[in-house]
């Protein structure tokens, strides 16, 4: 049985505070019910770039590494995304087409073929595509999380747990107090406790309350 997380003071990666809104918008604009493959693909790239304080340099990630994890010699650093070949290509295509991910080809010496390298796209002044630079406005996710979701096939489950990361470790000024959220708040957004009109901090994760409860 899992005994719980350590508060991530080290070995974490950053997700932007508007992470959930971006996926809601992407699902609506693309007209697709599932974003499972793009979600796991994007998070894996963020782990190996932003998670290493790298916001500007593309990182080489072969397809095999995406699927089965990073290795150094005989040491396995993580378990990868566990996506199928088709799922991984779908995720990469979707993310590059929607402007969230940039793919580069790194030229190698000699006759060796070019290798793909990836970097989350940062917003520029003349474009809304990509993410804001995560110097602020982010929440922490333990880097072990991609291993824990290795065999998970529900994006609603992944986003539900991440919503708790956002509103606990990602929340300032709570003095370390527990923060209780009910399924409606995860679905539709956390309510202001002091507001009488039901105002919410955000839109939640955008899935049905039934899926959040499950």
N, C-alpha and C. Protein backbone atom coordinates (compact mmCIF):
# COMPACT_ATOMS: atom_id res chain seq x y z
N UNK A 1 0.84 -1.20 0.00
CA UNK A 1 0.00 0.00 0.00
C UNK A 1 0.87 1.25 0.00
N UNK A 2 0.50 2.22 -0.83
CA UNK A 2 1.27 3.46 -0.91
C UNK A 2 1.13 4.24 0.40
N UNK A 3 2.25 4.68 0.96
CA UNK A 3 2.25 5.31 2.27
C UNK A 3 2.17 6.83 2.21
N UNK A 4 2.19 7.39 1.02
CA UNK A 4 2.04 8.85 0.91
C UNK A 4 3.25 9.50 0.27
N UNK A 5 3.08 10.77 -0.10
CA UNK A 5 4.14 11.54 -0.74
C UNK A 5 4.95 12.30 0.30
N UNK A 6 6.20 12.53 -0.01
CA UNK A 6 6.96 13.56 0.68
C UNK A 6 6.64 14.90 0.04
N UNK A 7 6.54 15.95 0.86
CA UNK A 7 6.38 17.28 0.30
C UNK A 7 7.59 17.57 -0.59
N UNK A 8 7.38 17.89 -1.86
CA UNK A 8 8.49 17.93 -2.82
C UNK A 8 9.36 19.17 -2.72
N UNK A 9 10.32 19.15 -1.80
CA UNK A 9 11.32 20.22 -1.73
C UNK A 9 12.43 19.98 -2.74
N UNK A 10 12.57 18.76 -3.19
CA UNK A 10 13.53 18.40 -4.23
C UNK A 10 12.89 17.30 -5.07
N UNK A 11 13.48 17.03 -6.21
CA UNK A 11 12.99 16.00 -7.12
C UNK A 11 11.52 16.22 -7.48
N UNK A 12 11.26 17.37 -8.05
CA UNK A 12 9.91 17.68 -8.52
C UNK A 12 10.01 18.39 -9.86
N UNK A 13 8.90 18.44 -10.58
CA UNK A 13 8.83 19.29 -11.77
C UNK A 13 7.65 20.24 -11.61
N UNK A 14 7.65 21.27 -12.41
CA UNK A 14 6.66 22.34 -12.29
C UNK A 14 5.58 22.19 -13.36
N UNK A 15 4.34 22.37 -12.94
CA UNK A 15 3.25 22.51 -13.89
C UNK A 15 2.63 23.89 -13.69
N UNK A 16 2.25 24.56 -14.78
CA UNK A 16 1.70 25.91 -14.65
C UNK A 16 0.33 25.89 -13.98
N UNK A 17 -0.01 26.97 -13.29
CA UNK A 17 -1.28 27.03 -12.58
C UNK A 17 -2.48 26.91 -13.51
N UNK A 18 -2.32 27.28 -14.78
CA UNK A 18 -3.44 27.17 -15.73
C UNK A 18 -3.43 25.83 -16.47
N UNK A 19 -2.70 24.86 -15.92
CA UNK A 19 -2.58 23.52 -16.52
C UNK A 19 -3.94 22.93 -16.85
N UNK A 20 -4.88 23.01 -15.94
CA UNK A 20 -6.19 22.37 -16.12
C UNK A 20 -7.03 23.12 -17.15
N UNK A 21 -6.98 24.45 -17.12
CA UNK A 21 -7.71 25.24 -18.11
C UNK A 21 -7.20 24.95 -19.52
N UNK A 22 -5.89 24.77 -19.65
CA UNK A 22 -5.34 24.51 -20.98
C UNK A 22 -5.88 23.21 -21.56
N UNK A 23 -6.00 22.16 -20.71
CA UNK A 23 -6.49 20.88 -21.21
C UNK A 23 -8.00 20.93 -21.49
N UNK A 24 -8.74 21.69 -20.68
CA UNK A 24 -10.16 21.87 -20.98
C UNK A 24 -10.32 22.54 -22.33
N UNK A 25 -9.57 23.61 -22.57
CA UNK A 25 -9.66 24.32 -23.85
C UNK A 25 -9.24 23.44 -25.02
N UNK A 26 -8.18 22.66 -24.83
CA UNK A 26 -7.71 21.78 -25.90
C UNK A 26 -8.75 20.73 -26.26
N UNK A 27 -9.38 20.16 -25.26
CA UNK A 27 -10.42 19.15 -25.52
C UNK A 27 -11.58 19.78 -26.28
N UNK A 28 -11.97 20.98 -25.88
CA UNK A 28 -13.10 21.64 -26.53
C UNK A 28 -12.76 22.05 -27.95
N UNK A 29 -11.60 22.65 -28.15
CA UNK A 29 -11.21 23.12 -29.48
C UNK A 29 -10.96 21.97 -30.45
N UNK A 30 -10.35 20.90 -29.95
CA UNK A 30 -10.04 19.77 -30.82
C UNK A 30 -11.23 18.85 -31.00
N UNK A 31 -12.24 19.00 -30.15
CA UNK A 31 -13.41 18.14 -30.25
C UNK A 31 -13.11 16.69 -29.98
N UNK A 32 -12.18 16.43 -29.08
CA UNK A 32 -11.84 15.04 -28.77
C UNK A 32 -12.13 14.78 -27.30
N UNK A 33 -12.68 13.62 -27.03
CA UNK A 33 -13.05 13.28 -25.67
C UNK A 33 -11.87 12.88 -24.81
N UNK A 34 -10.80 12.35 -25.43
CA UNK A 34 -9.67 11.86 -24.66
C UNK A 34 -8.40 12.62 -25.03
N UNK A 35 -7.65 12.98 -24.02
CA UNK A 35 -6.35 13.63 -24.22
C UNK A 35 -5.28 12.87 -23.44
N UNK A 36 -5.54 11.58 -23.25
CA UNK A 36 -4.68 10.73 -22.44
C UNK A 36 -3.24 10.70 -22.96
N UNK A 37 -3.06 10.40 -24.25
CA UNK A 37 -1.71 10.30 -24.81
C UNK A 37 -1.00 11.66 -24.83
N UNK A 38 -1.65 12.75 -25.29
CA UNK A 38 -0.97 14.05 -25.22
C UNK A 38 -0.61 14.46 -23.79
N UNK A 39 -1.49 14.17 -22.83
CA UNK A 39 -1.23 14.55 -21.44
C UNK A 39 0.03 13.86 -20.91
N UNK A 40 0.12 12.54 -21.09
CA UNK A 40 1.29 11.82 -20.57
C UNK A 40 2.56 12.22 -21.32
N UNK A 41 2.44 12.46 -22.62
CA UNK A 41 3.60 12.86 -23.41
C UNK A 41 4.11 14.23 -22.97
N UNK A 42 3.20 15.19 -22.82
CA UNK A 42 3.59 16.54 -22.43
C UNK A 42 4.24 16.54 -21.05
N UNK A 43 3.66 15.79 -20.13
CA UNK A 43 4.18 15.78 -18.78
C UNK A 43 5.57 15.16 -18.72
N UNK A 44 5.82 14.18 -19.57
CA UNK A 44 7.13 13.54 -19.58
C UNK A 44 8.20 14.51 -20.09
N UNK A 45 7.87 15.29 -21.12
CA UNK A 45 8.82 16.29 -21.61
C UNK A 45 9.07 17.35 -20.54
N UNK A 46 8.02 17.81 -19.87
CA UNK A 46 8.18 18.82 -18.82
C UNK A 46 9.07 18.28 -17.70
N UNK A 47 8.87 17.03 -17.34
CA UNK A 47 9.69 16.43 -16.27
C UNK A 47 11.17 16.51 -16.60
N UNK A 48 11.54 16.26 -17.88
CA UNK A 48 12.95 16.20 -18.26
C UNK A 48 13.48 17.53 -18.79
N UNK A 49 12.69 18.58 -18.74
CA UNK A 49 13.18 19.91 -19.10
C UNK A 49 12.99 20.85 -17.91
N UNK A 50 11.77 21.29 -17.68
CA UNK A 50 11.50 22.19 -16.54
C UNK A 50 11.89 21.55 -15.22
N UNK A 51 11.76 20.23 -15.11
CA UNK A 51 12.13 19.54 -13.88
C UNK A 51 13.62 19.59 -13.59
N UNK A 52 14.41 20.00 -14.60
CA UNK A 52 15.85 20.16 -14.42
C UNK A 52 16.25 21.62 -14.61
N UNK A 53 15.31 22.52 -14.33
CA UNK A 53 15.55 23.96 -14.42
C UNK A 53 16.00 24.37 -15.83
N UNK A 54 15.54 23.64 -16.82
CA UNK A 54 15.89 23.92 -18.20
C UNK A 54 14.65 24.40 -18.94
N UNK A 55 14.62 25.68 -19.27
CA UNK A 55 13.46 26.25 -19.94
C UNK A 55 13.76 26.65 -21.39
N UNK A 56 15.01 26.50 -21.83
CA UNK A 56 15.39 27.05 -23.13
C UNK A 56 16.09 26.07 -24.06
N UNK A 57 16.60 24.96 -23.56
CA UNK A 57 17.39 24.05 -24.39
C UNK A 57 16.60 22.76 -24.65
N UNK A 58 16.38 22.44 -25.93
CA UNK A 58 15.70 21.17 -26.25
C UNK A 58 16.46 19.97 -25.70
N UNK A 59 15.73 18.97 -25.26
CA UNK A 59 16.33 17.77 -24.68
C UNK A 59 16.06 16.58 -25.60
N UNK A 60 17.10 15.81 -25.87
CA UNK A 60 16.93 14.64 -26.73
C UNK A 60 16.16 13.56 -25.98
N UNK A 61 15.05 13.15 -26.57
CA UNK A 61 14.24 12.07 -26.00
C UNK A 61 13.84 11.14 -27.14
N UNK A 62 14.53 10.02 -27.32
CA UNK A 62 14.14 9.07 -28.36
C UNK A 62 12.75 8.49 -28.08
N UNK A 63 12.14 7.98 -29.14
CA UNK A 63 10.81 7.37 -28.97
C UNK A 63 10.85 6.23 -27.95
N UNK A 64 11.90 5.45 -28.00
CA UNK A 64 12.00 4.31 -27.07
C UNK A 64 12.04 4.81 -25.63
N UNK A 65 12.74 5.93 -25.40
CA UNK A 65 12.81 6.49 -24.04
C UNK A 65 11.44 6.98 -23.59
N UNK A 66 10.70 7.64 -24.49
CA UNK A 66 9.33 8.04 -24.16
C UNK A 66 8.53 6.84 -23.67
N UNK A 67 8.67 5.74 -24.36
CA UNK A 67 7.82 4.59 -24.06
C UNK A 67 8.30 3.81 -22.83
N UNK A 68 9.62 3.62 -22.70
CA UNK A 68 10.13 2.69 -21.69
C UNK A 68 10.98 3.35 -20.61
N UNK A 69 11.32 4.63 -20.78
CA UNK A 69 12.03 5.34 -19.75
C UNK A 69 13.50 5.61 -20.07
N UNK A 70 14.10 6.53 -19.31
CA UNK A 70 15.50 6.86 -19.45
C UNK A 70 16.38 5.78 -18.82
N UNK A 71 17.48 5.50 -19.48
CA UNK A 71 18.46 4.56 -18.95
C UNK A 71 19.85 5.17 -19.06
N UNK A 72 20.69 4.92 -18.09
CA UNK A 72 22.11 5.21 -18.16
C UNK A 72 22.83 3.90 -17.89
N UNK A 73 23.38 3.31 -18.94
CA UNK A 73 23.96 1.98 -18.80
C UNK A 73 22.86 0.99 -18.44
N UNK A 74 23.08 0.29 -17.32
CA UNK A 74 22.07 -0.68 -16.87
C UNK A 74 21.10 -0.07 -15.85
N UNK A 75 21.29 1.20 -15.54
CA UNK A 75 20.42 1.85 -14.55
C UNK A 75 19.22 2.49 -15.23
N UNK A 76 18.04 2.16 -14.79
CA UNK A 76 16.81 2.76 -15.31
C UNK A 76 16.41 3.93 -14.41
N UNK A 77 16.29 5.12 -15.00
CA UNK A 77 15.98 6.32 -14.23
C UNK A 77 14.49 6.51 -14.01
N UNK A 78 13.69 6.02 -14.94
CA UNK A 78 12.23 6.07 -14.76
C UNK A 78 11.60 5.04 -15.69
N UNK A 79 10.28 5.00 -15.68
CA UNK A 79 9.56 3.95 -16.41
C UNK A 79 8.96 4.44 -17.72
N UNK A 80 9.13 5.72 -18.05
CA UNK A 80 8.56 6.23 -19.29
C UNK A 80 7.06 6.41 -19.18
N UNK A 81 6.41 6.53 -20.34
CA UNK A 81 4.96 6.81 -20.38
C UNK A 81 4.11 5.55 -20.53
N UNK A 82 4.73 4.45 -20.98
CA UNK A 82 3.99 3.20 -21.23
C UNK A 82 2.97 3.36 -22.36
N UNK A 83 3.15 4.36 -23.21
CA UNK A 83 2.25 4.53 -24.35
C UNK A 83 2.64 3.58 -25.48
N UNK A 84 1.66 3.19 -26.27
CA UNK A 84 1.94 2.42 -27.48
C UNK A 84 2.61 3.32 -28.51
N UNK A 85 3.16 2.71 -29.56
CA UNK A 85 3.75 3.51 -30.64
C UNK A 85 2.73 4.46 -31.23
N UNK A 86 1.54 3.97 -31.48
CA UNK A 86 0.48 4.81 -32.04
C UNK A 86 0.09 5.92 -31.07
N UNK A 87 -0.04 5.59 -29.79
CA UNK A 87 -0.42 6.59 -28.79
C UNK A 87 0.62 7.67 -28.66
N UNK A 88 1.90 7.29 -28.68
CA UNK A 88 2.97 8.27 -28.57
C UNK A 88 2.98 9.20 -29.78
N UNK A 89 2.86 8.66 -30.98
CA UNK A 89 2.86 9.51 -32.16
C UNK A 89 1.64 10.43 -32.17
N UNK A 90 0.51 9.92 -31.74
CA UNK A 90 -0.69 10.76 -31.62
C UNK A 90 -0.44 11.91 -30.64
N UNK A 91 0.18 11.59 -29.50
CA UNK A 91 0.46 12.62 -28.52
C UNK A 91 1.41 13.68 -29.05
N UNK A 92 2.50 13.26 -29.69
CA UNK A 92 3.47 14.21 -30.22
C UNK A 92 2.86 15.06 -31.32
N UNK A 93 2.12 14.44 -32.23
CA UNK A 93 1.49 15.20 -33.32
C UNK A 93 0.51 16.24 -32.77
N UNK A 94 -0.31 15.82 -31.83
CA UNK A 94 -1.31 16.72 -31.25
C UNK A 94 -0.64 17.92 -30.57
N UNK A 95 0.40 17.66 -29.80
CA UNK A 95 1.05 18.72 -29.04
C UNK A 95 1.79 19.70 -29.94
N UNK A 96 2.45 19.20 -30.97
CA UNK A 96 3.15 20.11 -31.88
C UNK A 96 2.16 20.91 -32.73
N UNK A 97 1.09 20.27 -33.18
CA UNK A 97 0.09 20.97 -33.98
C UNK A 97 -0.61 22.06 -33.18
N UNK A 98 -0.82 21.83 -31.88
CA UNK A 98 -1.52 22.79 -31.03
C UNK A 98 -0.57 23.83 -30.40
N UNK A 99 0.71 23.72 -30.70
CA UNK A 99 1.64 24.74 -30.26
C UNK A 99 2.10 24.64 -28.83
N UNK A 100 1.99 23.45 -28.22
CA UNK A 100 2.45 23.27 -26.85
C UNK A 100 3.86 22.69 -26.77
N UNK A 101 4.29 22.07 -27.83
CA UNK A 101 5.56 21.36 -27.82
C UNK A 101 6.32 21.70 -29.10
N UNK A 102 7.63 21.90 -28.97
CA UNK A 102 8.49 22.14 -30.11
C UNK A 102 9.44 20.95 -30.27
N UNK A 103 9.50 20.41 -31.48
CA UNK A 103 10.41 19.30 -31.77
C UNK A 103 11.54 19.80 -32.65
N UNK A 104 12.77 19.53 -32.25
CA UNK A 104 13.96 19.88 -33.00
C UNK A 104 14.64 18.59 -33.45
N UNK A 105 15.43 18.69 -34.50
CA UNK A 105 16.29 17.60 -34.90
C UNK A 105 17.73 18.00 -34.62
N UNK A 106 18.40 17.23 -33.81
CA UNK A 106 19.77 17.53 -33.41
C UNK A 106 20.72 16.78 -34.34
N UNK A 107 21.57 17.54 -35.03
CA UNK A 107 22.54 16.93 -35.94
C UNK A 107 23.69 16.33 -35.14
N UNK A 108 24.02 15.09 -35.46
CA UNK A 108 25.12 14.40 -34.80
C UNK A 108 26.33 14.33 -35.72
N UNK A 109 27.49 14.09 -35.15
CA UNK A 109 28.71 14.02 -35.93
C UNK A 109 28.73 12.75 -36.79
N UNK A 110 29.46 12.83 -37.89
CA UNK A 110 29.61 11.68 -38.75
C UNK A 110 28.35 11.38 -39.54
N UNK A 111 28.13 10.12 -39.78
CA UNK A 111 26.98 9.68 -40.58
C UNK A 111 25.80 9.26 -39.72
N UNK A 112 25.86 9.53 -38.43
CA UNK A 112 24.76 9.12 -37.57
C UNK A 112 23.52 9.96 -37.85
N UNK A 113 22.36 9.35 -37.83
CA UNK A 113 21.13 10.10 -38.14
C UNK A 113 20.81 11.13 -37.08
N UNK A 114 20.07 12.17 -37.47
CA UNK A 114 19.65 13.21 -36.54
C UNK A 114 18.76 12.61 -35.45
N UNK A 115 18.80 13.20 -34.26
CA UNK A 115 18.01 12.72 -33.13
C UNK A 115 16.96 13.78 -32.75
N UNK A 116 15.76 13.34 -32.38
CA UNK A 116 14.74 14.32 -31.99
C UNK A 116 14.99 14.88 -30.60
N UNK A 117 14.75 16.16 -30.44
CA UNK A 117 14.86 16.83 -29.14
C UNK A 117 13.60 17.67 -28.95
N UNK A 118 13.19 17.83 -27.70
CA UNK A 118 11.91 18.45 -27.42
C UNK A 118 12.04 19.52 -26.34
N UNK A 119 11.13 20.49 -26.41
CA UNK A 119 11.06 21.55 -25.41
C UNK A 119 9.64 22.08 -25.36
N UNK A 120 9.07 22.24 -24.16
CA UNK A 120 7.75 22.90 -24.10
C UNK A 120 7.83 24.30 -24.70
N UNK A 121 6.84 24.66 -25.48
CA UNK A 121 6.84 25.98 -26.09
C UNK A 121 6.44 27.03 -25.05
N UNK A 122 7.22 28.09 -24.97
CA UNK A 122 6.90 29.21 -24.10
C UNK A 122 6.19 30.29 -24.91
N UNK A 123 5.22 30.93 -24.28
CA UNK A 123 4.48 31.98 -24.96
C UNK A 123 5.41 33.13 -25.34
N UNK A 124 5.16 33.71 -26.50
CA UNK A 124 5.86 34.91 -26.92
C UNK A 124 4.88 36.07 -26.94
N UNK A 125 5.39 37.27 -27.13
CA UNK A 125 4.53 38.47 -27.09
C UNK A 125 3.51 38.49 -28.21
N UNK A 126 3.85 37.85 -29.34
CA UNK A 126 2.95 37.92 -30.50
C UNK A 126 2.15 36.64 -30.71
N UNK A 127 2.15 35.74 -29.72
CA UNK A 127 1.42 34.48 -29.87
C UNK A 127 0.91 34.01 -28.52
N UNK A 128 -0.26 33.38 -28.54
CA UNK A 128 -0.82 32.83 -27.31
C UNK A 128 -0.51 31.35 -27.17
N UNK A 129 0.17 30.78 -28.19
CA UNK A 129 0.50 29.36 -28.14
C UNK A 129 1.57 29.11 -27.08
N UNK A 130 1.50 27.96 -26.44
CA UNK A 130 2.50 27.58 -25.46
C UNK A 130 2.13 27.97 -24.05
N UNK A 131 3.11 27.85 -23.16
CA UNK A 131 2.93 28.10 -21.73
C UNK A 131 3.69 29.34 -21.30
N UNK A 132 3.24 29.94 -20.21
CA UNK A 132 4.03 31.00 -19.58
C UNK A 132 5.27 30.37 -18.95
N UNK A 133 6.36 31.12 -18.95
CA UNK A 133 7.59 30.63 -18.34
C UNK A 133 7.34 30.38 -16.84
N UNK A 134 7.66 29.18 -16.35
CA UNK A 134 7.27 28.81 -14.98
C UNK A 134 8.23 29.32 -13.91
N UNK A 135 8.60 30.60 -13.98
CA UNK A 135 9.38 31.20 -12.90
C UNK A 135 8.49 31.45 -11.69
N UNK A 136 7.21 31.66 -11.94
CA UNK A 136 6.21 31.82 -10.90
C UNK A 136 4.90 31.27 -11.46
N UNK A 137 3.87 31.22 -10.63
CA UNK A 137 2.59 30.71 -11.12
C UNK A 137 2.63 29.25 -11.50
N UNK A 138 3.27 28.44 -10.65
CA UNK A 138 3.34 27.01 -10.93
C UNK A 138 3.07 26.24 -9.64
N UNK A 139 2.82 24.93 -9.78
CA UNK A 139 2.72 24.05 -8.62
C UNK A 139 3.66 22.87 -8.81
N UNK A 140 4.04 22.25 -7.69
CA UNK A 140 5.03 21.18 -7.71
C UNK A 140 4.38 19.81 -7.86
N UNK A 141 5.02 18.97 -8.67
CA UNK A 141 4.60 17.58 -8.83
C UNK A 141 5.83 16.70 -8.58
N UNK A 142 5.76 15.73 -7.67
CA UNK A 142 6.92 14.85 -7.43
C UNK A 142 7.30 14.12 -8.71
N UNK A 143 8.61 14.05 -9.01
CA UNK A 143 8.98 13.44 -10.28
C UNK A 143 8.69 11.94 -10.32
N UNK A 144 8.42 11.33 -9.15
CA UNK A 144 8.01 9.93 -9.13
C UNK A 144 6.60 9.74 -9.71
N UNK A 145 5.87 10.84 -9.88
CA UNK A 145 4.48 10.76 -10.33
C UNK A 145 4.35 10.09 -11.69
N UNK A 146 5.29 10.34 -12.62
CA UNK A 146 5.17 9.69 -13.93
C UNK A 146 5.36 8.19 -13.82
N UNK A 147 6.14 7.73 -12.84
CA UNK A 147 6.25 6.29 -12.63
C UNK A 147 4.96 5.73 -12.03
N UNK A 148 4.35 6.49 -11.14
CA UNK A 148 3.13 6.02 -10.50
C UNK A 148 1.97 5.95 -11.50
N UNK A 149 1.99 6.81 -12.52
CA UNK A 149 0.92 6.81 -13.53
C UNK A 149 1.29 5.96 -14.74
N UNK A 150 2.38 5.22 -14.64
CA UNK A 150 2.88 4.42 -15.76
C UNK A 150 1.80 3.53 -16.36
N UNK A 151 1.03 2.87 -15.51
CA UNK A 151 0.00 1.95 -16.00
C UNK A 151 -1.40 2.53 -15.93
N UNK A 152 -1.52 3.80 -15.57
CA UNK A 152 -2.83 4.45 -15.49
C UNK A 152 -3.31 4.80 -16.89
N UNK A 153 -4.55 4.52 -17.19
CA UNK A 153 -5.10 4.80 -18.52
C UNK A 153 -6.23 5.82 -18.47
N UNK A 154 -6.39 6.50 -17.34
CA UNK A 154 -7.45 7.50 -17.18
C UNK A 154 -6.84 8.87 -16.98
N UNK A 155 -7.06 9.78 -17.95
CA UNK A 155 -6.57 11.14 -17.75
C UNK A 155 -7.31 11.84 -16.62
N UNK A 156 -8.56 11.45 -16.36
CA UNK A 156 -9.32 12.06 -15.27
C UNK A 156 -8.68 11.74 -13.93
N UNK A 157 -8.16 10.52 -13.76
CA UNK A 157 -7.49 10.16 -12.52
C UNK A 157 -6.21 10.99 -12.35
N UNK A 158 -5.42 11.09 -13.41
CA UNK A 158 -4.17 11.86 -13.34
C UNK A 158 -4.46 13.31 -12.97
N UNK A 159 -5.41 13.92 -13.66
CA UNK A 159 -5.70 15.33 -13.43
C UNK A 159 -6.35 15.57 -12.06
N UNK A 160 -7.12 14.60 -11.58
CA UNK A 160 -7.73 14.75 -10.25
C UNK A 160 -6.66 14.85 -9.17
N UNK A 161 -5.69 13.93 -9.18
CA UNK A 161 -4.64 13.99 -8.18
C UNK A 161 -3.82 15.27 -8.35
N UNK A 162 -3.55 15.65 -9.58
CA UNK A 162 -2.78 16.88 -9.82
C UNK A 162 -3.54 18.11 -9.35
N UNK A 163 -4.86 18.06 -9.39
CA UNK A 163 -5.65 19.20 -8.88
C UNK A 163 -5.43 19.36 -7.37
N UNK A 164 -5.28 18.25 -6.66
CA UNK A 164 -4.95 18.34 -5.23
C UNK A 164 -3.53 18.87 -5.04
N UNK A 165 -2.58 18.45 -5.88
CA UNK A 165 -1.24 19.05 -5.82
C UNK A 165 -1.35 20.57 -5.96
N UNK A 166 -2.13 20.99 -6.93
CA UNK A 166 -2.26 22.44 -7.21
C UNK A 166 -2.80 23.21 -6.01
N UNK A 167 -3.80 22.65 -5.33
CA UNK A 167 -4.47 23.40 -4.28
C UNK A 167 -3.96 23.06 -2.87
N UNK A 168 -2.84 22.36 -2.81
CA UNK A 168 -2.18 22.14 -1.51
C UNK A 168 -0.74 22.65 -1.59
N UNK A 169 0.17 21.86 -2.17
CA UNK A 169 1.55 22.30 -2.31
C UNK A 169 1.66 23.54 -3.20
N UNK A 170 0.73 23.72 -4.12
CA UNK A 170 0.79 24.87 -5.03
C UNK A 170 0.11 26.10 -4.47
N UNK A 171 -0.34 26.03 -3.24
CA UNK A 171 -1.09 27.14 -2.65
C UNK A 171 -0.25 27.81 -1.58
N UNK A 172 -0.17 29.13 -1.62
CA UNK A 172 0.66 29.86 -0.68
C UNK A 172 -0.19 30.41 0.48
N UNK A 173 0.42 30.52 1.63
CA UNK A 173 -0.22 31.21 2.74
C UNK A 173 -1.22 30.40 3.53
N UNK A 174 -1.23 29.05 3.34
CA UNK A 174 -2.20 28.26 4.10
C UNK A 174 -1.61 27.73 5.41
N UNK A 175 -0.33 28.03 5.66
CA UNK A 175 0.29 27.61 6.91
C UNK A 175 0.40 26.11 7.06
N UNK A 176 0.32 25.37 5.96
CA UNK A 176 0.42 23.92 6.04
C UNK A 176 -0.84 23.24 6.51
N UNK A 177 -1.95 23.98 6.55
CA UNK A 177 -3.22 23.39 6.98
C UNK A 177 -3.77 22.45 5.91
N UNK A 178 -4.47 21.38 6.31
CA UNK A 178 -5.12 20.52 5.31
C UNK A 178 -6.13 21.31 4.49
N UNK A 179 -6.28 20.91 3.25
CA UNK A 179 -7.25 21.58 2.38
C UNK A 179 -8.20 20.52 1.83
N UNK A 180 -9.45 20.63 2.21
CA UNK A 180 -10.44 19.64 1.83
C UNK A 180 -11.16 20.10 0.57
N UNK A 181 -11.26 19.20 -0.40
CA UNK A 181 -11.98 19.48 -1.64
C UNK A 181 -12.97 18.35 -1.87
N UNK A 182 -14.18 18.70 -2.28
CA UNK A 182 -15.15 17.67 -2.60
C UNK A 182 -15.16 17.42 -4.10
N UNK A 183 -15.81 16.34 -4.58
CA UNK A 183 -15.79 16.02 -6.00
C UNK A 183 -16.32 17.14 -6.90
N UNK A 184 -17.31 17.89 -6.41
CA UNK A 184 -17.83 19.01 -7.21
C UNK A 184 -16.74 20.05 -7.44
N UNK A 185 -15.90 20.31 -6.44
CA UNK A 185 -14.86 21.31 -6.59
C UNK A 185 -13.77 20.84 -7.54
N UNK A 186 -13.42 19.57 -7.48
CA UNK A 186 -12.43 19.05 -8.43
C UNK A 186 -13.00 19.12 -9.85
N UNK A 187 -14.29 18.85 -9.98
CA UNK A 187 -14.93 18.87 -11.29
C UNK A 187 -15.06 20.28 -11.85
N UNK A 188 -15.56 21.20 -11.03
CA UNK A 188 -15.95 22.53 -11.52
C UNK A 188 -15.12 23.68 -10.97
N UNK A 189 -14.20 23.40 -10.06
CA UNK A 189 -13.35 24.44 -9.51
C UNK A 189 -13.57 24.63 -8.02
N UNK A 190 -12.49 24.87 -7.32
CA UNK A 190 -12.54 25.09 -5.89
C UNK A 190 -13.31 26.38 -5.57
N UNK A 191 -14.22 26.30 -4.61
CA UNK A 191 -15.03 27.46 -4.23
C UNK A 191 -14.28 28.36 -3.26
N UNK A 192 -14.51 29.68 -3.39
CA UNK A 192 -14.05 30.60 -2.35
C UNK A 192 -14.84 30.32 -1.08
N UNK A 193 -14.16 30.09 0.01
CA UNK A 193 -14.87 29.79 1.25
C UNK A 193 -15.63 31.00 1.78
N UNK A 194 -15.15 32.21 1.47
CA UNK A 194 -15.78 33.42 1.99
C UNK A 194 -16.82 34.02 1.06
N UNK A 195 -16.99 33.41 -0.13
CA UNK A 195 -17.93 33.99 -1.10
C UNK A 195 -19.31 33.37 -0.95
N UNK A 196 -20.31 34.21 -0.93
CA UNK A 196 -21.69 33.72 -0.79
C UNK A 196 -22.33 33.43 -2.13
N UNK A 197 -21.70 33.86 -3.23
CA UNK A 197 -22.29 33.66 -4.55
C UNK A 197 -21.73 32.44 -5.28
N UNK A 198 -20.98 31.61 -4.58
CA UNK A 198 -20.45 30.40 -5.19
C UNK A 198 -19.29 30.63 -6.14
N UNK A 199 -18.61 31.77 -6.03
CA UNK A 199 -17.48 32.07 -6.91
C UNK A 199 -16.37 31.05 -6.71
N UNK A 200 -15.68 30.73 -7.82
CA UNK A 200 -14.65 29.69 -7.78
C UNK A 200 -13.31 30.24 -8.27
N UNK A 201 -12.25 29.61 -7.80
CA UNK A 201 -10.91 30.03 -8.18
C UNK A 201 -10.59 29.69 -9.64
N UNK A 202 -11.14 28.60 -10.14
CA UNK A 202 -10.82 28.15 -11.50
C UNK A 202 -11.96 27.25 -11.99
N UNK A 203 -11.73 26.54 -13.08
CA UNK A 203 -12.77 25.71 -13.70
C UNK A 203 -12.64 24.23 -13.36
N UNK A 204 -11.79 23.89 -12.40
CA UNK A 204 -11.62 22.48 -12.09
C UNK A 204 -10.93 21.74 -13.22
N UNK A 205 -11.15 20.42 -13.28
CA UNK A 205 -10.48 19.64 -14.33
C UNK A 205 -11.38 19.42 -15.55
N UNK A 206 -12.67 19.74 -15.43
CA UNK A 206 -13.53 19.70 -16.61
C UNK A 206 -14.12 18.35 -16.96
N UNK A 207 -13.96 17.35 -16.09
CA UNK A 207 -14.60 16.05 -16.32
C UNK A 207 -15.84 15.93 -15.44
N UNK A 208 -16.64 14.93 -15.69
CA UNK A 208 -17.89 14.79 -14.93
C UNK A 208 -17.58 14.44 -13.48
N UNK A 209 -18.51 14.77 -12.60
CA UNK A 209 -18.34 14.44 -11.19
C UNK A 209 -18.30 12.93 -10.98
N UNK A 210 -19.02 12.21 -11.81
CA UNK A 210 -18.98 10.74 -11.71
C UNK A 210 -17.57 10.21 -11.97
N UNK A 211 -16.90 10.76 -12.99
CA UNK A 211 -15.54 10.30 -13.29
C UNK A 211 -14.59 10.72 -12.18
N UNK A 212 -14.79 11.88 -11.61
CA UNK A 212 -13.94 12.31 -10.50
C UNK A 212 -14.14 11.41 -9.30
N UNK A 213 -15.40 11.06 -8.97
CA UNK A 213 -15.66 10.13 -7.86
C UNK A 213 -15.03 8.77 -8.13
N UNK A 214 -15.15 8.28 -9.34
CA UNK A 214 -14.55 6.97 -9.67
C UNK A 214 -13.04 7.02 -9.49
